[in-house]
PDB file of N, CA and C in Angstrom:
ATOM      1  N   MET A   1      11.174  28.493  19.013  1.00  0.00           N
ATOM      2  CA  MET A   1      10.924  27.064  18.804  1.00  0.00           C
ATOM      3  C   MET A   1       9.765  26.692  19.674  1.00  0.00           C
ATOM      4  N   LEU A   2       9.842  27.022  21.026  1.00  0.00           N
ATOM      5  CA  LEU A   2       8.801  26.703  21.921  1.00  0.00           C
ATOM      6  C   LEU A   2       7.610  27.766  21.707  1.00  0.00           C
ATOM      7  N   LEU A   3       7.789  28.755  21.160  1.00  0.00           N
ATOM      8  CA  LEU A   3       6.719  29.711  20.859  1.00  0.00           C
ATOM      9  C   LEU A   3       5.885  29.112  19.684  1.00  0.00           C
ATOM     10  N   SER A   4       6.664  28.680  18.637  1.00  0.00           N
ATOM     11  CA  SER A   4       5.918  28.114  17.597  1.00  0.00           C
ATOM     12  C   SER A   4       5.222  26.749  17.910  1.00  0.00           C
ATOM     13  N   ALA A   5       5.670  25.831  18.864  1.00  0.00           N
ATOM     14  CA  ALA A   5       4.977  24.814  19.144  1.00  0.00           C
ATOM     15  C   ALA A   5       3.796  25.156  20.067  1.00  0.00           C
ATOM     16  N   LEU A   6       3.809  26.147  20.985  1.00  0.00           N
ATOM     17  CA  LEU A   6       2.623  26.579  21.602  1.00  0.00           C
ATOM     18  C   LEU A   6       1.577  27.207  20.611  1.00  0.00           C
ATOM     19  N   PHE A   7       2.079  27.944  19.556  1.00  0.00           N
ATOM     20  CA  PHE A   7       1.101  28.395  18.624  1.00  0.00           C
ATOM     21  C   PHE A   7       0.383  27.198  17.882  1.00  0.00           C
ATOM     22  N   VAL A   8       1.119  26.195  17.447  1.00  0.00           N
ATOM     23  CA  VAL A   8       0.625  25.249  16.705  1.00  0.00           C
ATOM     24  C   VAL A   8      -0.384  24.486  17.782  1.00  0.00           C
ATOM     25  N   ALA A   9      -0.117  24.350  18.965  1.00  0.00           N
ATOM     26  CA  ALA A   9      -0.937  23.578  20.014  1.00  0.00           C
ATOM     27  C   ALA A   9      -2.225  24.336  20.087  1.00  0.00           C
ATOM     28  N   ALA A  10      -2.065  25.534  20.188  1.00  0.00           N
ATOM     29  CA  ALA A  10      -3.327  26.415  20.317  1.00  0.00           C
ATOM     30  C   ALA A  10      -4.243  26.372  19.156  1.00  0.00           C
ATOM     31  N   VAL A  11      -3.601  26.302  17.903  1.00  0.00           N
ATOM     32  CA  VAL A  11      -4.493  26.246  16.662  1.00  0.00           C
ATOM     33  C   VAL A  11      -5.220  24.909  16.675  1.00  0.00           C
ATOM     34  N   LEU A  12      -4.489  23.864  16.961  1.00  0.00           N
ATOM     35  CA  LEU A  12      -5.130  22.582  16.939  1.00  0.00           C
ATOM     36  C   LEU A  12      -6.257  22.560  18.089  1.00  0.00           C
ATOM     37  N   MET A  13      -5.935  23.109  19.261  1.00  0.00           N
ATOM     38  CA  MET A  13      -7.142  22.884  20.373  1.00  0.00           C
ATOM     39  C   MET A  13      -8.377  23.787  19.792  1.00  0.00           C
ATOM     40  N   ALA A  14      -7.924  24.869  19.087  1.00  0.00           N
ATOM     41  CA  ALA A  14      -9.162  25.728  18.590  1.00  0.00           C
ATOM     42  C   ALA A  14      -9.941  25.065  17.444  1.00  0.00           C
ATOM     43  N   GLN A  15      -9.146  24.345  16.586  1.00  0.00           N
ATOM     44  CA  GLN A  15      -9.906  23.570  15.533  1.00  0.00           C
ATOM     45  C   GLN A  15     -10.686  22.621  16.130  1.00  0.00           C
ATOM     46  N   TYR A  16     -10.104  21.753  17.048  1.00  0.00           N
ATOM     47  CA  TYR A  16     -10.855  20.747  17.758  1.00  0.00           C
ATOM     48  C   TYR A  16     -12.071  21.174  18.369  1.00  0.00           C
ATOM     49  N   ALA A  17     -11.978  22.311  19.032  1.00  0.00           N
ATOM     50  CA  ALA A  17     -13.160  22.847  19.689  1.00  0.00           C
ATOM     51  C   ALA A  17     -14.255  23.284  18.769  1.00  0.00           C
ATOM     52  N   ILE A  18     -13.956  23.903  17.641  1.00  0.00           N
ATOM     53  CA  ILE A  18     -14.766  24.329  16.610  1.00  0.00           C
ATOM     54  C   ILE A  18     -15.495  23.065  16.022  1.00  0.00           C
ATOM     55  N   VAL A  19     -14.776  21.965  15.678  1.00  0.00           N
ATOM     56  CA  VAL A  19     -15.225  20.865  14.918  1.00  0.00           C
ATOM     57  C   VAL A  19     -16.196  20.036  15.879  1.00  0.00           C
ATOM     58  N   ARG A  20     -15.556  19.714  17.061  1.00  0.00           N
ATOM     59  CA  ARG A  20     -16.320  18.763  18.010  1.00  0.00           C
ATOM     60  C   ARG A  20     -17.266  19.510  18.861  1.00  0.00           C
ATOM     61  N   LEU A  21     -16.978  20.527  19.460  1.00  0.00           N
ATOM     62  CA  LEU A  21     -17.907  21.153  20.398  1.00  0.00           C
ATOM     63  C   LEU A  21     -19.017  21.872  19.745  1.00  0.00           C
ATOM     64  N   GLN A  22     -18.832  22.544  18.667  1.00  0.00           N
ATOM     65  CA  GLN A  22     -19.743  23.398  18.044  1.00  0.00           C
ATOM     66  C   GLN A  22     -20.536  22.700  16.952  1.00  0.00           C
ATOM     67  N   SER A  23     -20.487  21.431  17.027  1.00  0.00           N
ATOM     68  CA  SER A  23     -21.223  20.744  15.807  1.00  0.00           C
ATOM     69  C   SER A  23     -22.671  20.915  15.732  1.00  0.00           C
ATOM     70  N   GLY A  24     -23.403  21.480  16.783  1.00  0.00           N
ATOM     71  CA  GLY A  24     -24.758  21.766  16.651  1.00  0.00           C
ATOM     72  C   GLY A  24     -25.014  23.153  15.993  1.00  0.00           C
ATOM     73  N   VAL A  25     -23.842  23.930  15.934  1.00  0.00           N
ATOM     74  CA  VAL A  25     -24.015  25.372  15.203  1.00  0.00           C
ATOM     75  C   VAL A  25     -23.732  25.269  13.838  1.00  0.00           C
ATOM     76  N   MET A  26     -23.174  24.103  13.317  1.00  0.00           N
ATOM     77  CA  MET A  26     -22.715  23.904  11.878  1.00  0.00           C
ATOM     78  C   MET A  26     -23.915  24.162  10.986  1.00  0.00           C
ATOM     79  N   SER A  27     -23.848  24.810   9.930  1.00  0.00           N
ATOM     80  CA  SER A  27     -24.878  24.992   9.033  1.00  0.00           C
ATOM     81  C   SER A  27     -24.993  23.698   8.126  1.00  0.00           C
ATOM     82  N   ASP A  28     -26.102  23.509   7.356  1.00  0.00           N
ATOM     83  CA  ASP A  28     -26.289  22.406   6.689  1.00  0.00           C
ATOM     84  C   ASP A  28     -25.403  22.394   5.474  1.00  0.00           C
ATOM     85  N   GLU A  29     -25.119  23.685   4.880  1.00  0.00           N
ATOM     86  CA  GLU A  29     -24.118  23.927   3.859  1.00  0.00           C
ATOM     87  C   GLU A  29     -22.777  23.417   4.283  1.00  0.00           C
ATOM     88  N   LEU A  30     -22.355  23.822   5.430  1.00  0.00           N
ATOM     89  CA  LEU A  30     -21.032  23.404   5.960  1.00  0.00           C
ATOM     90  C   LEU A  30     -20.880  21.806   6.119  1.00  0.00           C
ATOM     91  N   ARG A  31     -22.011  21.287   6.719  1.00  0.00           N
ATOM     92  CA  ARG A  31     -21.967  19.764   6.852  1.00  0.00           C
ATOM     93  C   ARG A  31     -22.009  19.150   5.547  1.00  0.00           C
ATOM     94  N   THR A  32     -22.765  19.544   4.440  1.00  0.00           N
ATOM     95  CA  THR A  32     -22.656  19.127   3.218  1.00  0.00           C
ATOM     96  C   THR A  32     -21.290  19.254   2.459  1.00  0.00           C
ATOM     97  N   TRP A  33     -20.735  20.132   2.704  1.00  0.00           N
ATOM     98  CA  TRP A  33     -19.342  20.641   2.144  1.00  0.00           C
ATOM     99  C   TRP A  33     -18.289  19.615   2.838  1.00  0.00           C
ATOM    100  N   LEU A  34     -18.440  19.616   4.139  1.00  0.00           N
ATOM    101  CA  LEU A  34     -17.548  18.635   4.697  1.00  0.00           C
ATOM    102  C   LEU A  34     -17.609  17.149   4.380  1.00  0.00           C
ATOM    103  N   ALA A  35     -18.904  16.796   4.291  1.00  0.00           N
ATOM    104  CA  ALA A  35     -19.225  15.348   3.714  1.00  0.00           C
ATOM    105  C   ALA A  35     -18.601  15.253   2.283  1.00  0.00           C
ATOM    106  N   SER A  36     -18.844  16.129   1.449  1.00  0.00           N
ATOM    107  CA  SER A  36     -18.252  16.083   0.130  1.00  0.00           C
ATOM    108  C   SER A  36     -16.915  16.023   0.058  1.00  0.00           C
ATOM    109  N   ALA A  37     -16.242  16.796   0.924  1.00  0.00           N
ATOM    110  CA  ALA A  37     -14.681  16.775   0.925  1.00  0.00           C
ATOM    111  C   ALA A  37     -14.224  15.405   1.478  1.00  0.00           C
ATOM    112  N   GLN A  38     -14.875  14.940   2.408  1.00  0.00           N
ATOM    113  CA  GLN A  38     -14.447  13.626   2.961  1.00  0.00           C
ATOM    114  C   GLN A  38     -14.828  12.439   1.950  1.00  0.00           C
ATOM    115  N   ALA A  39     -15.801  12.522   1.197  1.00  0.00           N
ATOM    116  CA  ALA A  39     -16.175  11.578   0.212  1.00  0.00           C
ATOM    117  C   ALA A  39     -15.113  11.634  -0.954  1.00  0.00           C
ATOM    118  N   ASP A  40     -14.840  12.917  -1.305  1.00  0.00           N
ATOM    119  CA  ASP A  40     -13.771  12.990  -2.463  1.00  0.00           C
ATOM    120  C   ASP A  40     -12.396  12.501  -2.017  1.00  0.00           C
ATOM    121  N   GLU A  41     -11.985  12.805  -0.794  1.00  0.00           N
ATOM    122  CA  GLU A  41     -10.687  12.369  -0.280  1.00  0.00           C
ATOM    123  C   GLU A  41     -10.803  10.744  -0.164  1.00  0.00           C
ATOM    124  N   GLN A  42     -11.857  10.239   0.372  1.00  0.00           N
ATOM    125  CA  GLN A  42     -11.977   8.678   0.294  1.00  0.00           C
ATOM    126  C   GLN A  42     -11.691   7.996  -1.072  1.00  0.00           C
ATOM    127  N   ARG A  43     -12.502   8.713  -2.112  1.00  0.00           N
ATOM    128  CA  ARG A  43     -12.290   8.163  -3.425  1.00  0.00           C
ATOM    129  C   ARG A  43     -10.715   8.317  -3.891  1.00  0.00           C
ATOM    130  N   LYS A  44     -10.158   9.414  -3.500  1.00  0.00           N
ATOM    131  CA  LYS A  44      -8.877   9.461  -3.916  1.00  0.00           C
ATOM    132  C   LYS A  44      -7.976   8.430  -3.405  1.00  0.00           C
ATOM    133  N   GLN A  45      -8.176   8.171  -2.098  1.00  0.00           N
ATOM    134  CA  GLN A  45      -7.402   7.260  -1.306  1.00  0.00           C
ATOM    135  C   GLN A  45      -7.551   5.862  -1.961  1.00  0.00           C
ATOM    136  N   GLU A  46      -8.795   5.559  -2.194  1.00  0.00           N
ATOM    137  CA  GLU A  46      -9.232   4.231  -2.818  1.00  0.00           C
ATOM    138  C   GLU A  46      -8.723   3.949  -4.123  1.00  0.00           C
ATOM    139  N   LEU A  47      -8.567   4.975  -4.882  1.00  0.00           N
ATOM    140  CA  LEU A  47      -8.031   5.012  -6.283  1.00  0.00           C
ATOM    141  C   LEU A  47      -6.602   4.675  -6.193  1.00  0.00           C
ATOM    142  N   TYR A  48      -5.867   5.508  -5.257  1.00  0.00           N
ATOM    143  CA  TYR A  48      -4.491   5.351  -5.138  1.00  0.00           C
ATOM    144  C   TYR A  48      -4.200   3.898  -4.724  1.00  0.00           C
ATOM    145  N   LEU A  49      -4.970   3.365  -3.624  1.00  0.00           N
ATOM    146  CA  LEU A  49      -4.712   2.074  -3.185  1.00  0.00           C
ATOM    147  C   LEU A  49      -5.054   1.049  -4.325  1.00  0.00           C
ATOM    148  N   ARG A  50      -5.997   1.103  -5.206  1.00  0.00           N
ATOM    149  CA  ARG A  50      -6.283   0.374  -6.190  1.00  0.00           C
ATOM    150  C   ARG A  50      -5.085   0.405  -7.268  1.00  0.00           C
ATOM    151  N   GLN A  51      -4.628   1.468  -7.477  1.00  0.00           N
ATOM    152  CA  GLN A  51      -3.502   1.544  -8.613  1.00  0.00           C
ATOM    153  C   GLN A  51      -2.131   0.926  -7.956  1.00  0.00           C
ATOM    154  N   SER A  52      -1.963   1.165  -6.649  1.00  0.00           N
ATOM    155  CA  SER A  52      -0.815   0.596  -6.011  1.00  0.00           C
ATOM    156  C   SER A  52      -1.073  -0.889  -6.022  1.00  0.00           C
ATOM    157  N   LEU A  53      -2.085  -1.414  -5.675  1.00  0.00           N
ATOM    158  CA  LEU A  53      -2.298  -3.031  -5.751  1.00  0.00           C
ATOM    159  C   LEU A  53      -2.175  -3.549  -7.105  1.00  0.00           C
ATOM    160  N   ASP A  54      -2.796  -2.819  -8.143  1.00  0.00           N
ATOM    161  CA  ASP A  54      -2.417  -3.302  -9.557  1.00  0.00           C
ATOM    162  C   ASP A  54      -1.061  -3.356 -10.052  1.00  0.00           C
ATOM    163  N   ALA A  55      -0.206  -2.187  -9.467  1.00  0.00           N
ATOM    164  CA  ALA A  55       1.083  -2.220 -10.002  1.00  0.00           C
ATOM    165  C   ALA A  55       1.953  -3.301  -9.200  1.00  0.00           C
ATOM    166  N   MET A  56       1.539  -3.552  -7.989  1.00  0.00           N
ATOM    167  CA  MET A  56       2.206  -4.587  -7.272  1.00  0.00           C
ATOM    168  C   MET A  56       1.850  -6.070  -7.901  1.00  0.00           C
ATOM    169  N   ALA A  57       0.600  -6.102  -8.201  1.00  0.00           N
ATOM    170  CA  ALA A  57       0.312  -7.515  -8.763  1.00  0.00           C
ATOM    171  C   ALA A  57       1.050  -7.725 -10.093  1.00  0.00           C
ATOM    172  N   ALA A  58       1.048  -6.636 -10.890  1.00  0.00           N
ATOM    173  CA  ALA A  58       1.833  -6.785 -12.110  1.00  0.00           C
ATOM    174  C   ALA A  58       3.374  -7.061 -11.962  1.00  0.00           C
ATOM    175  N   ARG A  59       3.994  -6.413 -10.979  1.00  0.00           N
ATOM    176  CA  ARG A  59       5.285  -6.644 -10.647  1.00  0.00           C
ATOM    177  C   ARG A  59       5.469  -8.060 -10.141  1.00  0.00           C
ATOM    178  N   LEU A  60       4.584  -8.632  -9.331  1.00  0.00           N
ATOM    179  CA  LEU A  60       4.763  -9.942  -8.792  1.00  0.00           C
ATOM    180  C   LEU A  60       4.622 -10.907  -9.881  1.00  0.00           C
ATOM    181  N   GLY A  61       3.699 -10.641 -10.881  1.00  0.00           N
ATOM    182  CA  GLY A  61       3.557 -11.581 -12.043  1.00  0.00           C
ATOM    183  C   GLY A  61       4.898 -11.525 -12.833  1.00  0.00           C
ATOM    184  N   GLN A  62       5.535 -10.364 -13.075  1.00  0.00           N
ATOM    185  CA  GLN A  62       6.798 -10.378 -13.713  1.00  0.00           C
ATOM    186  C   GLN A  62       7.743 -11.208 -12.886  1.00  0.00           C
ATOM    187  N   MET A  63       7.944 -10.935 -11.681  1.00  0.00           N
ATOM    188  CA  MET A  63       8.935 -11.737 -10.921  1.00  0.00           C
ATOM    189  C   MET A  63       8.701 -13.327 -10.905  1.00  0.00           C
ATOM    190  N   GLN A  64       7.317 -13.783 -10.935  1.00  0.00           N
ATOM    191  CA  GLN A  64       7.069 -15.033 -10.973  1.00  0.00           C
ATOM    192  C   GLN A  64       7.499 -15.678 -12.312  1.00  0.00           C
ATOM    193  N   ALA A  65       7.457 -14.891 -13.368  1.00  0.00           N
ATOM    194  CA  ALA A  65       7.819 -15.299 -14.581  1.00  0.00           C
ATOM    195  C   ALA A  65       9.119 -15.462 -14.924  1.00  0.00           C
ATOM    196  N   GLN A  66       9.979 -14.573 -14.126  1.00  0.00           N
ATOM    197  CA  GLN A  66      11.324 -14.492 -14.150  1.00  0.00           C
ATOM    198  C   GLN A  66      11.836 -15.685 -13.377  1.00  0.00           C
ATOM    199  N   LEU A  67      11.219 -16.067 -12.127  1.00  0.00           N
ATOM    200  CA  LEU A  67      11.643 -17.107 -11.443  1.00  0.00           C
ATOM    201  C   LEU A  67      11.449 -18.567 -12.279  1.00  0.00           C
ATOM    202  N   GLN A  68      10.297 -18.586 -12.993  1.00  0.00           N
ATOM    203  CA  GLN A  68      10.158 -19.771 -13.738  1.00  0.00           C
ATOM    204  C   GLN A  68      11.157 -19.918 -14.729  1.00  0.00           C
ATOM    205  N   ARG A  69      11.565 -18.897 -15.286  1.00  0.00           N
ATOM    206  CA  ARG A  69      12.651 -19.074 -16.406  1.00  0.00           C
ATOM    207  C   ARG A  69      13.989 -19.444 -15.820  1.00  0.00           C
ATOM    208  N   LEU A  70      14.257 -18.882 -14.463  1.00  0.00           N
ATOM    209  CA  LEU A  70      15.483 -19.319 -13.775  1.00  0.00           C
ATOM    210  C   LEU A  70      15.391 -20.670 -13.290  1.00  0.00           C
ATOM    211  N   ASP A  71      14.211 -21.169 -13.056  1.00  0.00           N
ATOM    212  CA  ASP A  71      14.126 -22.600 -12.665  1.00  0.00           C
ATOM    213  C   ASP A  71      14.292 -23.489 -13.901  1.00  0.00           C
ATOM    214  N   GLY A  72      13.810 -23.090 -15.021  1.00  0.00           N
ATOM    215  CA  GLY A  72      14.217 -23.980 -16.361  1.00  0.00           C
ATOM    216  C   GLY A  72      15.671 -23.875 -16.631  1.00  0.00           C
ATOM    217  N   LEU A  73      16.094 -22.730 -16.417  1.00  0.00           N
ATOM    218  CA  LEU A  73      17.612 -22.743 -16.698  1.00  0.00           C
ATOM    219  C   LEU A  73      18.408 -23.543 -15.789  1.00  0.00           C
ATOM    220  N   GLY A  74      17.992 -23.480 -14.477  1.00  0.00           N
ATOM    221  CA  GLY A  74      18.623 -24.361 -13.448  1.00  0.00           C
ATOM    222  C   GLY A  74      18.546 -25.768 -13.792  1.00  0.00           C
ATOM    223  N   ALA A  75      17.305 -26.189 -14.181  1.00  0.00           N
ATOM    224  CA  ALA A  75      17.140 -27.585 -14.322  1.00  0.00           C
ATOM    225  C   ALA A  75      17.935 -28.057 -15.628  1.00  0.00           C
ATOM    226  N   ARG A  76      18.009 -27.289 -16.614  1.00  0.00           N
ATOM    227  CA  ARG A  76      18.805 -27.580 -17.806  1.00  0.00           C
ATOM    228  C   ARG A  76      20.180 -27.715 -17.504  1.00  0.00           C
ATOM    229  N   LEU A  77      20.610 -26.686 -16.669  1.00  0.00           N
ATOM    230  CA  LEU A  77      22.103 -26.690 -16.254  1.00  0.00           C
ATOM    231  C   LEU A  77      22.618 -27.972 -15.431  1.00  0.00           C
ATOM    232  N   ALA A  78      21.553 -28.239 -14.566  1.00  0.00           N
ATOM    233  CA  ALA A  78      21.825 -29.500 -13.724  1.00  0.00           C
ATOM    234  C   ALA A  78      21.825 -30.784 -14.466  1.00  0.00           C
ATOM    235  N   LYS A  79      20.937 -30.834 -15.643  1.00  0.00           N
ATOM    236  CA  LYS A  79      20.888 -31.960 -16.489  1.00  0.00           C
ATOM    237  C   LYS A  79      22.207 -32.169 -17.202  1.00  0.00           C
ATOM    238  N   LEU A  80      22.575 -30.835 -17.713  1.00  0.00           N
ATOM    239  CA  LEU A  80      23.690 -30.834 -18.760  1.00  0.00           C
ATOM    240  C   LEU A  80      25.029 -31.211 -17.824  1.00  0.00           C
ATOM    241  N   SER A  81      25.122 -30.680 -16.480  1.00  0.00           N
ATOM    242  CA  SER A  81      26.266 -30.962 -15.769  1.00  0.00           C
ATOM    243  C   SER A  81      26.367 -32.492 -15.144  1.00  0.00           C
ATOM    244  N   GLY A  82      25.323 -33.140 -15.299  1.00  0.00           N
ATOM    245  CA  GLY A  82      25.259 -34.626 -14.748  1.00  0.00           C
ATOM    246  C   GLY A  82      24.953 -34.654 -13.545  1.00  0.00           C
ATOM    247  N   MET A  83      24.347 -33.734 -12.812  1.00  0.00           N
ATOM    248  CA  MET A  83      23.934 -33.866 -11.345  1.00  0.00           C
ATOM    249  C   MET A  83      22.892 -35.013 -11.244  1.00  0.00           C
ATOM    250  N   LYS A  84      22.888 -35.625 -10.193  1.00  0.00           N
ATOM    251  CA  LYS A  84      21.782 -36.390  -9.928  1.00  0.00           C
ATOM    252  C   LYS A  84      20.497 -35.933  -9.716  1.00  0.00           C
ATOM    253  N   PRO A  85      19.555 -36.353 -10.291  1.00  0.00           N
ATOM    254  CA  PRO A  85      18.069 -35.674  -9.974  1.00  0.00           C
ATOM    255  C   PRO A  85      17.727 -35.365  -8.630  1.00  0.00           C
ATOM    256  N   ASN A  86      18.161 -36.136  -7.651  1.00  0.00           N
ATOM    257  CA  ASN A  86      17.719 -35.909  -6.201  1.00  0.00           C
ATOM    258  C   ASN A  86      18.553 -34.826  -5.577  1.00  0.00           C
ATOM    259  N   GLU A  87      19.685 -34.367  -6.103  1.00  0.00           N
ATOM    260  CA  GLU A  87      20.524 -33.483  -5.570  1.00  0.00           C
ATOM    261  C   GLU A  87      19.963 -31.977  -5.738  1.00  0.00           C
ATOM    262  N   PHE A  88      19.297 -31.720  -6.755  1.00  0.00           N
ATOM    263  CA  PHE A  88      18.687 -30.402  -7.090  1.00  0.00           C
ATOM    264  C   PHE A  88      17.416 -30.469  -7.768  1.00  0.00           C
ATOM    265  N   SER A  89      16.278 -30.741  -6.964  1.00  0.00           N
ATOM    266  CA  SER A  89      15.058 -31.037  -7.622  1.00  0.00           C
ATOM    267  C   SER A  89      14.371 -29.628  -7.725  1.00  0.00           C
ATOM    268  N   PHE A  90      13.857 -29.291  -8.953  1.00  0.00           N
ATOM    269  CA  PHE A  90      13.006 -28.079  -9.136  1.00  0.00           C
ATOM    270  C   PHE A  90      11.573 -28.507  -8.897  1.00  0.00           C
ATOM    271  N   ASP A  91      11.160 -29.693  -8.871  1.00  0.00           N
ATOM    272  CA  ASP A  91       9.824 -29.907  -8.740  1.00  0.00           C
ATOM    273  C   ASP A  91       9.172 -29.639  -7.310  1.00  0.00           C
ATOM    274  N   LEU A  92      10.132 -29.693  -6.267  1.00  0.00           N
ATOM    275  CA  LEU A  92       9.674 -29.639  -5.040  1.00  0.00           C
ATOM    276  C   LEU A  92       9.998 -28.067  -4.478  1.00  0.00           C
ATOM    277  N   ALA A  93       9.240 -27.618  -3.617  1.00  0.00           N
ATOM    278  CA  ALA A  93       9.283 -26.453  -3.015  1.00  0.00           C
ATOM    279  C   ALA A  93      10.479 -26.320  -2.187  1.00  0.00           C
ATOM    280  N   PRO A  94      11.206 -25.115  -2.135  1.00  0.00           N
ATOM    281  CA  PRO A  94      12.463 -24.934  -1.415  1.00  0.00           C
ATOM    282  C   PRO A  94      12.036 -25.223   0.073  1.00  0.00           C
ATOM    283  N   ALA A  95      13.115 -25.590   0.911  1.00  0.00           N
ATOM    284  CA  ALA A  95      12.995 -25.792   2.280  1.00  0.00           C
ATOM    285  C   ALA A  95      12.793 -24.494   2.911  1.00  0.00           C
ATOM    286  N   ARG A  96      12.089 -24.375   4.074  1.00  0.00           N
ATOM    287  CA  ARG A  96      12.003 -23.126   4.767  1.00  0.00           C
ATOM    288  C   ARG A  96      12.796 -23.110   5.985  1.00  0.00           C
TER     289      ARG A  96
END
């Protein structure tokens, strides 16, 4: 366990040294490839984020529609049961 942790630490330190300290030695092809890889990864992340936000917005719309239906049902039940209008008002926002 300790040996594997030391190995991982050594690999990470070597990778850091290669990327950070040897940046002047990198070829233009390597820099172009790294920039392309980073741009691709950023595009993938932005697409995933956009899709997630779209899915959440659609789900929120469904939930709001369901709440409106429940409010309508509650108002009708309150009216049919003979409740006073001020006891259970659906026009006002709920208390916080």
